[in-house]
Amino acid sequence: MKIRYKSAAEIGKLREANLVVAEVLDVLCAAVEPGMSTWELNQIAEAEIERHKVKSAFLGYYDYPGVVCTSVNEVVVHGIPRKDVILRDGDIVAIDFGVFKYGYCGDSARTIPVGRIDPEWQRLIDVTRDSLERAIAMCYPGNRLGDIGQAVQTYVEGNGYSVVRDFVGHGIGRAMHEDPPVPNYARRGTGKRLKSGLVIAIEPMVNAGAPDVKVLEDNWTAVTKDRSRSAHFEHSIAITDKGPWVLSRSSSEPGNPGVPVQ
């Protein structure tokens, strides 16, 4: 495992890329409504990429055909935007989006309701989002990667849900996926020690049922084996001497906007 720590200037560029990601996610989430196709979300994202003059991190990545991942209900991650996937009232959809700006990658994901949803599915969304916040709270120099995974796992399982094992978070920088892997399950006090300059994407994927997943024949779409619903949140975070800087958090999101690197 070779980790590349980032300078303050590099983290500043990562912040710029992630601010674009946050703004586009704001637009996409606001556009979601019953009756629209996930392909329409991809078209909106394409227009935003053109407007911001950035490069998609997803399109063409191992032949991925879209600029956004749209994962509906039992789809855990990597749902391909399609004209025949229509969002219905009561669905939940995870929107995962990434871009390159100035050669640096921004990456983030949110799960949102479509129309009015059952309180059961809102709770799944809330627990998944809150598990990410608990993971972010562990992002201080001297802590370990296992502290991040343990924070997610303990909270998720304590609320009666399961953590996906097949997909994990990752380092991020000039490439979308860098070392180290960042699992959402672990034992506290284990794994690589966190240091200032490390930038990681933490992305809990939480299932209402069992943790097992299956990748469909398109080689991308990952669904829960038991077809239970799943939620996904992701933020790109810089470890700094002052604590975690959530690079992909927009001003419209609740919570601490983060601390800049000095």
C-alpha atoms as a PDB file:
ATOM      1  CA  MET A   1       0.000   0.000   0.000  1.00  0.00           C
ATOM      2  CA  LYS A   2       1.544   3.275  -1.130  1.00  0.00           C
ATOM      3  CA  ILE A   3      -0.267   6.331   0.169  1.00  0.00           C
ATOM      4  CA  ARG A   4       0.354   9.723  -1.406  1.00  0.00           C
ATOM      5  CA  TYR A   5      -0.111  12.527   1.097  1.00  0.00           C
ATOM      6  CA  LYS A   6      -1.257  15.864  -0.302  1.00  0.00           C
ATOM      7  CA  SER A   7       0.144  19.343   0.215  1.00  0.00           C
ATOM      8  CA  ALA A   8      -2.061  22.243   1.287  1.00  0.00           C
ATOM      9  CA  ALA A   9      -2.082  23.468  -2.319  1.00  0.00           C
ATOM     10  CA  GLU A  10      -3.201  20.074  -3.603  1.00  0.00           C
ATOM     11  CA  ILE A  11      -5.946  19.846  -1.007  1.00  0.00           C
ATOM     12  CA  GLY A  12      -7.097  23.288  -2.128  1.00  0.00           C
ATOM     13  CA  LYS A  13      -7.461  21.948  -5.678  1.00  0.00           C
ATOM     14  CA  LEU A  14      -9.321  18.902  -4.394  1.00  0.00           C
ATOM     15  CA  ARG A  15     -11.658  21.274  -2.576  1.00  0.00           C
ATOM     16  CA  GLU A  16     -12.384  23.114  -5.833  1.00  0.00           C
ATOM     17  CA  ALA A  17     -13.225  19.848  -7.613  1.00  0.00           C
ATOM     18  CA  ASN A  18     -15.435  18.758  -4.741  1.00  0.00           C
ATOM     19  CA  LEU A  19     -17.266  22.082  -4.623  1.00  0.00           C
ATOM     20  CA  VAL A  20     -18.314  21.455  -8.219  1.00  0.00           C
ATOM     21  CA  VAL A  21     -19.459  17.970  -7.229  1.00  0.00           C
ATOM     22  CA  ALA A  22     -21.461  19.365  -4.312  1.00  0.00           C
ATOM     23  CA  GLU A  23     -23.111  22.012  -6.493  1.00  0.00           C
ATOM     24  CA  VAL A  24     -24.059  19.497  -9.182  1.00  0.00           C
ATOM     25  CA  LEU A  25     -25.437  17.098  -6.562  1.00  0.00           C
ATOM     26  CA  ASP A  26     -27.566  19.966  -5.251  1.00  0.00           C
ATOM     27  CA  VAL A  27     -28.960  20.425  -8.762  1.00  0.00           C
ATOM     28  CA  LEU A  28     -29.547  16.709  -9.308  1.00  0.00           C
ATOM     29  CA  CYS A  29     -31.233  16.178  -5.953  1.00  0.00           C
ATOM     30  CA  ALA A  30     -33.508  19.159  -6.541  1.00  0.00           C
ATOM     31  CA  ALA A  31     -34.486  17.763  -9.957  1.00  0.00           C
ATOM     32  CA  VAL A  32     -35.579  14.341  -8.679  1.00  0.00           C
ATOM     33  CA  GLU A  33     -39.328  13.790  -8.967  1.00  0.00           C
ATOM     34  CA  PRO A  34     -41.713  10.909  -9.630  1.00  0.00           C
ATOM     35  CA  GLY A  35     -42.082  10.092 -13.317  1.00  0.00           C
ATOM     36  CA  MET A  36     -38.601  11.061 -14.457  1.00  0.00           C
ATOM     37  CA  SER A  37     -36.070   8.534 -15.730  1.00  0.00           C
ATOM     38  CA  THR A  38     -32.601   8.098 -14.307  1.00  0.00           C
ATOM     39  CA  TRP A  39     -31.339   8.879 -17.824  1.00  0.00           C
ATOM     40  CA  GLU A  40     -32.755  12.380 -17.416  1.00  0.00           C
ATOM     41  CA  LEU A  41     -30.581  12.802 -14.320  1.00  0.00           C
ATOM     42  CA  ASN A  42     -27.577  11.805 -16.415  1.00  0.00           C
ATOM     43  CA  GLN A  43     -28.504  14.438 -19.018  1.00  0.00           C
ATOM     44  CA  ILE A  44     -28.737  17.113 -16.319  1.00  0.00           C
ATOM     45  CA  ALA A  45     -25.343  16.049 -14.980  1.00  0.00           C
ATOM     46  CA  GLU A  46     -23.849  16.210 -18.490  1.00  0.00           C
ATOM     47  CA  ALA A  47     -25.092  19.767 -18.906  1.00  0.00           C
ATOM     48  CA  GLU A  48     -23.626  20.736 -15.525  1.00  0.00           C
ATOM     49  CA  ILE A  49     -20.253  19.232 -16.440  1.00  0.00           C
ATOM     50  CA  GLU A  50     -20.250  21.331 -19.600  1.00  0.00           C
ATOM     51  CA  ARG A  51     -21.290  24.444 -17.685  1.00  0.00           C
ATOM     52  CA  HIS A  52     -18.508  24.031 -15.119  1.00  0.00           C
ATOM     53  CA  LYS A  53     -15.963  23.066 -17.797  1.00  0.00           C
ATOM     54  CA  VAL A  54     -14.817  19.999 -15.873  1.00  0.00           C
ATOM     55  CA  LYS A  55     -14.277  16.355 -16.841  1.00  0.00           C
ATOM     56  CA  SER A  56     -16.438  13.455 -15.730  1.00  0.00           C
ATOM     57  CA  ALA A  57     -14.674  11.021 -13.402  1.00  0.00           C
ATOM     58  CA  PHE A  58     -17.139   8.248 -14.269  1.00  0.00           C
ATOM     59  CA  LEU A  59     -17.736   8.297 -18.023  1.00  0.00           C
ATOM     60  CA  GLY A  60     -15.515   5.673 -19.673  1.00  0.00           C
ATOM     61  CA  TYR A  61     -14.068   4.451 -16.361  1.00  0.00           C
ATOM     62  CA  TYR A  62     -13.704   0.739 -17.158  1.00  0.00           C
ATOM     63  CA  ASP A  63     -16.285   1.455 -19.890  1.00  0.00           C
ATOM     64  CA  TYR A  64     -18.897   2.884 -17.523  1.00  0.00           C
ATOM     65  CA  PRO A  65     -21.484   4.515 -19.853  1.00  0.00           C
ATOM     66  CA  GLY A  66     -22.744   7.452 -17.760  1.00  0.00           C
ATOM     67  CA  VAL A  67     -21.502  10.536 -15.922  1.00  0.00           C
ATOM     68  CA  VAL A  68     -23.501   9.714 -12.793  1.00  0.00           C
ATOM     69  CA  CYS A  69     -24.491   6.542 -10.920  1.00  0.00           C
ATOM     70  CA  THR A  70     -28.202   6.296 -10.107  1.00  0.00           C
ATOM     71  CA  SER A  71     -29.000   3.449  -7.708  1.00  0.00           C
ATOM     72  CA  VAL A  72     -32.707   2.922  -7.005  1.00  0.00           C
ATOM     73  CA  ASN A  73     -34.135   0.971  -4.041  1.00  0.00           C
ATOM     74  CA  GLU A  74     -32.361  -2.437  -3.938  1.00  0.00           C
ATOM     75  CA  VAL A  75     -29.464  -1.198  -6.099  1.00  0.00           C
ATOM     76  CA  VAL A  76     -26.534  -0.687  -3.735  1.00  0.00           C
ATOM     77  CA  VAL A  77     -24.114   1.163  -6.033  1.00  0.00           C
ATOM     78  CA  HIS A  78     -23.163   1.690  -9.687  1.00  0.00           C
ATOM     79  CA  GLY A  79     -26.677   1.833 -11.073  1.00  0.00           C
ATOM     80  CA  ILE A  80     -26.448   2.797 -14.754  1.00  0.00           C
ATOM     81  CA  PRO A  81     -28.749   5.664 -15.850  1.00  0.00           C
ATOM     82  CA  ARG A  82     -31.426   4.282 -18.171  1.00  0.00           C
ATOM     83  CA  LYS A  83     -34.404   5.625 -20.085  1.00  0.00           C
ATOM     84  CA  ASP A  84     -36.529   2.708 -18.878  1.00  0.00           C
ATOM     85  CA  VAL A  85     -35.757   3.155 -15.169  1.00  0.00           C
ATOM     86  CA  ILE A  86     -38.512   5.491 -14.037  1.00  0.00           C
ATOM     87  CA  LEU A  87     -38.530   6.948 -10.544  1.00  0.00           C
ATOM     88  CA  ARG A  88     -41.766   6.286  -8.658  1.00  0.00           C
ATOM     89  CA  ASP A  89     -43.333   7.915  -5.650  1.00  0.00           C
ATOM     90  CA  GLY A  90     -41.969   6.091  -2.589  1.00  0.00           C
ATOM     91  CA  ASP A  91     -38.626   5.109  -4.156  1.00  0.00           C
ATOM     92  CA  ILE A  92     -35.236   6.054  -2.806  1.00  0.00           C
ATOM     93  CA  VAL A  93     -32.351   6.858  -5.148  1.00  0.00           C
ATOM     94  CA  ALA A  94     -28.637   7.161  -4.478  1.00  0.00           C
ATOM     95  CA  ILE A  95     -26.842   9.639  -6.722  1.00  0.00           C
ATOM     96  CA  ASP A  96     -23.066   9.234  -6.973  1.00  0.00           C
ATOM     97  CA  PHE A  97     -21.119  11.850  -8.939  1.00  0.00           C
ATOM     98  CA  GLY A  98     -17.496  12.747  -9.568  1.00  0.00           C
ATOM     99  CA  VAL A  99     -15.416  15.127 -11.695  1.00  0.00           C
ATOM    100  CA  PHE A 100     -11.844  16.140 -12.385  1.00  0.00           C
ATOM    101  CA  LYS A 101     -10.867  19.789 -12.153  1.00  0.00           C
ATOM    102  CA  TYR A 102      -7.274  20.951 -12.620  1.00  0.00           C
ATOM    103  CA  GLY A 103      -6.318  17.269 -12.653  1.00  0.00           C
ATOM    104  CA  TYR A 104      -7.779  16.503  -9.213  1.00  0.00           C
ATOM    105  CA  CYS A 105     -10.842  14.416  -8.443  1.00  0.00           C
ATOM    106  CA  GLY A 106     -13.966  15.225  -6.465  1.00  0.00           C
ATOM    107  CA  ASP A 107     -16.331  12.411  -5.476  1.00  0.00           C
ATOM    108  CA  SER A 108     -19.507  12.352  -3.376  1.00  0.00           C
ATOM    109  CA  ALA A 109     -22.871  10.583  -3.100  1.00  0.00           C
ATOM    110  CA  ARG A 110     -26.261  11.150  -1.485  1.00  0.00           C
ATOM    111  CA  THR A 111     -29.430   9.083  -1.126  1.00  0.00           C
ATOM    112  CA  ILE A 112     -32.712  10.957  -1.320  1.00  0.00           C
ATOM    113  CA  PRO A 113     -36.441  10.155  -1.305  1.00  0.00           C
ATOM    114  CA  VAL A 114     -38.589  10.276  -4.421  1.00  0.00           C
ATOM    115  CA  GLY A 115     -41.833  12.001  -3.535  1.00  0.00           C
ATOM    116  CA  ARG A 116     -43.339  10.751  -0.277  1.00  0.00           C
ATOM    117  CA  ILE A 117     -41.661   7.670   1.172  1.00  0.00           C
ATOM    118  CA  ASP A 118     -42.432   5.277   3.989  1.00  0.00           C
ATOM    119  CA  PRO A 119     -40.856   6.331   7.328  1.00  0.00           C
ATOM    120  CA  GLU A 120     -39.015   2.992   7.301  1.00  0.00           C
ATOM    121  CA  TRP A 121     -37.008   4.032   4.237  1.00  0.00           C
ATOM    122  CA  GLN A 122     -36.430   7.541   5.577  1.00  0.00           C
ATOM    123  CA  ARG A 123     -34.913   5.951   8.674  1.00  0.00           C
ATOM    124  CA  LEU A 124     -32.576   3.875   6.471  1.00  0.00           C
ATOM    125  CA  ILE A 125     -31.442   7.068   4.732  1.00  0.00           C
ATOM    126  CA  ASP A 126     -30.976   8.904   8.028  1.00  0.00           C
ATOM    127  CA  VAL A 127     -28.957   6.126   9.657  1.00  0.00           C
ATOM    128  CA  THR A 128     -26.691   5.806   6.624  1.00  0.00           C
ATOM    129  CA  ARG A 129     -26.054   9.557   6.507  1.00  0.00           C
ATOM    130  CA  ASP A 130     -25.473   9.690  10.263  1.00  0.00           C
ATOM    131  CA  SER A 131     -23.026   6.775  10.088  1.00  0.00           C
ATOM    132  CA  LEU A 132     -20.940   8.817   7.653  1.00  0.00           C
ATOM    133  CA  GLU A 133     -20.920  11.748  10.066  1.00  0.00           C
ATOM    134  CA  ARG A 134     -19.717   9.442  12.835  1.00  0.00           C
ATOM    135  CA  ALA A 135     -16.943   8.221  10.564  1.00  0.00           C
ATOM    136  CA  ILE A 136     -15.919  11.786   9.720  1.00  0.00           C
ATOM    137  CA  ALA A 137     -15.664  12.517  13.456  1.00  0.00           C
ATOM    138  CA  MET A 138     -12.865   9.916  13.608  1.00  0.00           C
ATOM    139  CA  CYS A 139     -10.772  11.696  10.963  1.00  0.00           C
ATOM    140  CA  TYR A 140      -8.057  13.174  13.168  1.00  0.00           C
ATOM    141  CA  PRO A 141      -4.303  12.608  12.924  1.00  0.00           C
ATOM    142  CA  GLY A 142      -3.285   9.738  15.182  1.00  0.00           C
ATOM    143  CA  ASN A 143      -6.504   7.777  14.778  1.00  0.00           C
ATOM    144  CA  ARG A 144      -6.581   4.708  12.557  1.00  0.00           C
ATOM    145  CA  LEU A 145      -8.572   3.548   9.548  1.00  0.00           C
ATOM    146  CA  GLY A 146     -10.153   0.908  11.765  1.00  0.00           C
ATOM    147  CA  ASP A 147     -11.644   3.676  13.908  1.00  0.00           C
ATOM    148  CA  ILE A 148     -13.528   4.919  10.846  1.00  0.00           C
ATOM    149  CA  GLY A 149     -14.867   1.491   9.924  1.00  0.00           C
ATOM    150  CA  GLN A 150     -15.811   0.689  13.502  1.00  0.00           C
ATOM    151  CA  ALA A 151     -17.731   3.952  13.841  1.00  0.00           C
ATOM    152  CA  VAL A 152     -19.845   3.078  10.790  1.00  0.00           C
ATOM    153  CA  GLN A 153     -20.364  -0.577  11.625  1.00  0.00           C
ATOM    154  CA  THR A 154     -21.283  -0.105  15.278  1.00  0.00           C
ATOM    155  CA  TYR A 155     -23.851   2.583  14.521  1.00  0.00           C
ATOM    156  CA  VAL A 156     -25.391   0.816  11.513  1.00  0.00           C
ATOM    157  CA  GLU A 157     -25.674  -2.591  13.158  1.00  0.00           C
ATOM    158  CA  GLY A 158     -26.905  -1.014  16.387  1.00  0.00           C
ATOM    159  CA  ASN A 159     -29.822   0.343  14.352  1.00  0.00           C
ATOM    160  CA  GLY A 160     -30.671  -3.053  12.900  1.00  0.00           C
ATOM    161  CA  TYR A 161     -29.113  -2.663   9.457  1.00  0.00           C
ATOM    162  CA  SER A 162     -26.085  -4.251   7.766  1.00  0.00           C
ATOM    163  CA  VAL A 163     -22.893  -2.880   6.238  1.00  0.00           C
ATOM    164  CA  VAL A 164     -21.890  -3.935   2.720  1.00  0.00           C
ATOM    165  CA  ARG A 165     -18.489  -5.653   2.647  1.00  0.00           C
ATOM    166  CA  ASP A 166     -17.974  -5.993  -1.108  1.00  0.00           C
ATOM    167  CA  PHE A 167     -17.385  -2.275  -1.705  1.00  0.00           C
ATOM    168  CA  VAL A 168     -15.370   0.171   0.389  1.00  0.00           C
ATOM    169  CA  GLY A 169     -14.152   3.752   0.431  1.00  0.00           C
ATOM    170  CA  HIS A 170     -10.776   4.822  -0.920  1.00  0.00           C
ATOM    171  CA  GLY A 171      -8.037   7.372  -1.086  1.00  0.00           C
ATOM    172  CA  ILE A 172      -8.561  10.126  -3.652  1.00  0.00           C
ATOM    173  CA  GLY A 173      -6.382  12.669  -5.422  1.00  0.00           C
ATOM    174  CA  ARG A 174      -5.136  12.791  -9.002  1.00  0.00           C
ATOM    175  CA  ALA A 175      -6.908   9.449  -9.437  1.00  0.00           C
ATOM    176  CA  MET A 176     -10.432   8.688  -8.315  1.00  0.00           C
ATOM    177  CA  HIS A 177      -9.331   5.540  -6.502  1.00  0.00           C
ATOM    178  CA  GLU A 178      -6.060   5.630  -4.612  1.00  0.00           C
ATOM    179  CA  ASP A 179      -4.674   3.847  -1.559  1.00  0.00           C
ATOM    180  CA  PRO A 180      -5.706   3.259   1.127  1.00  0.00           C
ATOM    181  CA  PRO A 181      -8.940   1.241   0.987  1.00  0.00           C
ATOM    182  CA  VAL A 182     -11.370   2.556   3.618  1.00  0.00           C
ATOM    183  CA  PRO A 183     -13.728  -0.238   4.799  1.00  0.00           C
ATOM    184  CA  ASN A 184     -16.980   0.548   6.582  1.00  0.00           C
ATOM    185  CA  TYR A 185     -16.364  -2.305   9.020  1.00  0.00           C
ATOM    186  CA  ALA A 186     -13.351  -2.848  11.273  1.00  0.00           C
ATOM    187  CA  ARG A 187     -12.036  -3.128  14.795  1.00  0.00           C
ATOM    188  CA  ARG A 188     -11.073   0.091  16.517  1.00  0.00           C
ATOM    189  CA  GLY A 189      -7.336   0.679  16.830  1.00  0.00           C
ATOM    190  CA  THR A 190      -6.456  -1.339  13.726  1.00  0.00           C
ATOM    191  CA  GLY A 191      -5.304  -0.306  10.267  1.00  0.00           C
ATOM    192  CA  LYS A 192      -3.146   2.503   8.955  1.00  0.00           C
ATOM    193  CA  ARG A 193      -2.662   5.492  11.214  1.00  0.00           C
ATOM    194  CA  LEU A 194      -4.198   8.730   9.902  1.00  0.00           C
ATOM    195  CA  LYS A 195      -1.803  11.557   9.100  1.00  0.00           C
ATOM    196  CA  SER A 196      -2.264  15.149   8.014  1.00  0.00           C
ATOM    197  CA  GLY A 197      -2.362  15.348   4.222  1.00  0.00           C
ATOM    198  CA  LEU A 198      -4.283  12.109   3.732  1.00  0.00           C
ATOM    199  CA  VAL A 199      -7.408  12.566   1.618  1.00  0.00           C
ATOM    200  CA  ILE A 200     -10.002   9.799   1.614  1.00  0.00           C
ATOM    201  CA  ALA A 201     -13.514   9.153   0.357  1.00  0.00           C
ATOM    202  CA  ILE A 202     -15.651   7.514   3.032  1.00  0.00           C
ATOM    203  CA  GLU A 203     -18.803   5.915   1.634  1.00  0.00           C
ATOM    204  CA  PRO A 204     -21.004   3.721   3.817  1.00  0.00           C
ATOM    205  CA  MET A 205     -23.369   1.457   1.880  1.00  0.00           C
ATOM    206  CA  VAL A 206     -26.083   0.203   4.212  1.00  0.00           C
ATOM    207  CA  ASN A 207     -28.679  -2.489   3.569  1.00  0.00           C
ATOM    208  CA  ALA A 208     -32.040  -2.864   5.266  1.00  0.00           C
ATOM    209  CA  GLY A 209     -31.553  -6.654   5.097  1.00  0.00           C
ATOM    210  CA  ALA A 210     -28.452  -8.830   4.797  1.00  0.00           C
ATOM    211  CA  PRO A 211     -25.090  -7.390   3.671  1.00  0.00           C
ATOM    212  CA  ASP A 212     -24.698  -9.681   0.644  1.00  0.00           C
ATOM    213  CA  VAL A 213     -24.721  -8.161  -2.836  1.00  0.00           C
ATOM    214  CA  LYS A 214     -24.788  -9.421  -6.415  1.00  0.00           C
ATOM    215  CA  VAL A 215     -23.453  -7.718  -9.547  1.00  0.00           C
ATOM    216  CA  LEU A 216     -25.842  -7.986 -12.500  1.00  0.00           C
ATOM    217  CA  GLU A 217     -24.982  -8.999 -16.058  1.00  0.00           C
ATOM    218  CA  ASP A 218     -24.097  -5.433 -17.070  1.00  0.00           C
ATOM    219  CA  ASN A 219     -21.021  -5.894 -14.812  1.00  0.00           C
ATOM    220  CA  TRP A 220     -21.817  -2.678 -12.950  1.00  0.00           C
ATOM    221  CA  THR A 221     -25.175  -2.681 -11.200  1.00  0.00           C
ATOM    222  CA  ALA A 222     -24.786  -4.117  -7.683  1.00  0.00           C
ATOM    223  CA  VAL A 223     -28.009  -5.151  -5.937  1.00  0.00           C
ATOM    224  CA  THR A 224     -28.792  -6.641  -2.546  1.00  0.00           C
ATOM    225  CA  LYS A 225     -29.094 -10.418  -2.833  1.00  0.00           C
ATOM    226  CA  ASP A 226     -32.261 -10.422  -0.753  1.00  0.00           C
ATOM    227  CA  ARG A 227     -33.591  -7.400  -2.693  1.00  0.00           C
ATOM    228  CA  SER A 228     -33.865  -5.315   0.461  1.00  0.00           C
ATOM    229  CA  ARG A 229     -33.403  -1.581   0.024  1.00  0.00           C
ATOM    230  CA  SER A 230     -30.001   0.040   0.325  1.00  0.00           C
ATOM    231  CA  ALA A 231     -28.693   3.574   0.946  1.00  0.00           C
ATOM    232  CA  HIS A 232     -25.340   5.170   0.129  1.00  0.00           C
ATOM    233  CA  PHE A 233     -23.617   8.369   1.216  1.00  0.00           C
ATOM    234  CA  GLU A 234     -20.097   9.569   0.429  1.00  0.00           C
ATOM    235  CA  HIS A 235     -17.859  12.504   1.247  1.00  0.00           C
ATOM    236  CA  SER A 236     -14.267  13.306   0.320  1.00  0.00           C
ATOM    237  CA  ILE A 237     -12.370  14.314   3.467  1.00  0.00           C
ATOM    238  CA  ALA A 238      -8.925  15.764   4.073  1.00  0.00           C
ATOM    239  CA  ILE A 239      -7.141  14.898   7.312  1.00  0.00           C
ATOM    240  CA  THR A 240      -5.595  18.094   8.692  1.00  0.00           C
ATOM    241  CA  ASP A 241      -3.884  19.110  11.907  1.00  0.00           C
ATOM    242  CA  LYS A 242      -7.066  21.001  12.781  1.00  0.00           C
ATOM    243  CA  GLY A 243      -9.318  18.007  12.130  1.00  0.00           C
ATOM    244  CA  PRO A 244     -11.379  16.743   9.202  1.00  0.00           C
ATOM    245  CA  TRP A 245     -12.069  19.054   6.287  1.00  0.00           C
ATOM    246  CA  VAL A 246     -15.131  17.755   4.408  1.00  0.00           C
ATOM    247  CA  LEU A 247     -14.151  18.834   0.926  1.00  0.00           C
ATOM    248  CA  SER A 248     -17.402  17.756  -0.721  1.00  0.00           C
ATOM    249  CA  ARG A 249     -19.749  19.407   1.761  1.00  0.00           C
ATOM    250  CA  SER A 250     -21.713  22.267   0.241  1.00  0.00           C
ATOM    251  CA  SER A 251     -23.003  25.284   2.121  1.00  0.00           C
ATOM    252  CA  SER A 252     -26.554  23.968   1.655  1.00  0.00           C
ATOM    253  CA  GLU A 253     -25.867  20.844   3.718  1.00  0.00           C
ATOM    254  CA  PRO A 254     -26.437  20.835   7.474  1.00  0.00           C
ATOM    255  CA  GLY A 255     -23.480  20.542   9.828  1.00  0.00           C
ATOM    256  CA  ASN A 256     -20.001  21.985  10.131  1.00  0.00           C
ATOM    257  CA  PRO A 257     -18.766  23.080   6.690  1.00  0.00           C
ATOM    258  CA  GLY A 258     -15.272  21.893   7.595  1.00  0.00           C
ATOM    259  CA  VAL A 259     -11.941  23.496   8.418  1.00  0.00           C
ATOM    260  CA  PRO A 260      -9.563  24.798   5.748  1.00  0.00           C
ATOM    261  CA  VAL A 261      -5.950  23.712   5.665  1.00  0.00           C
ATOM    262  CA  GLN A 262      -3.562  26.410   6.794  1.00  0.00           C
END
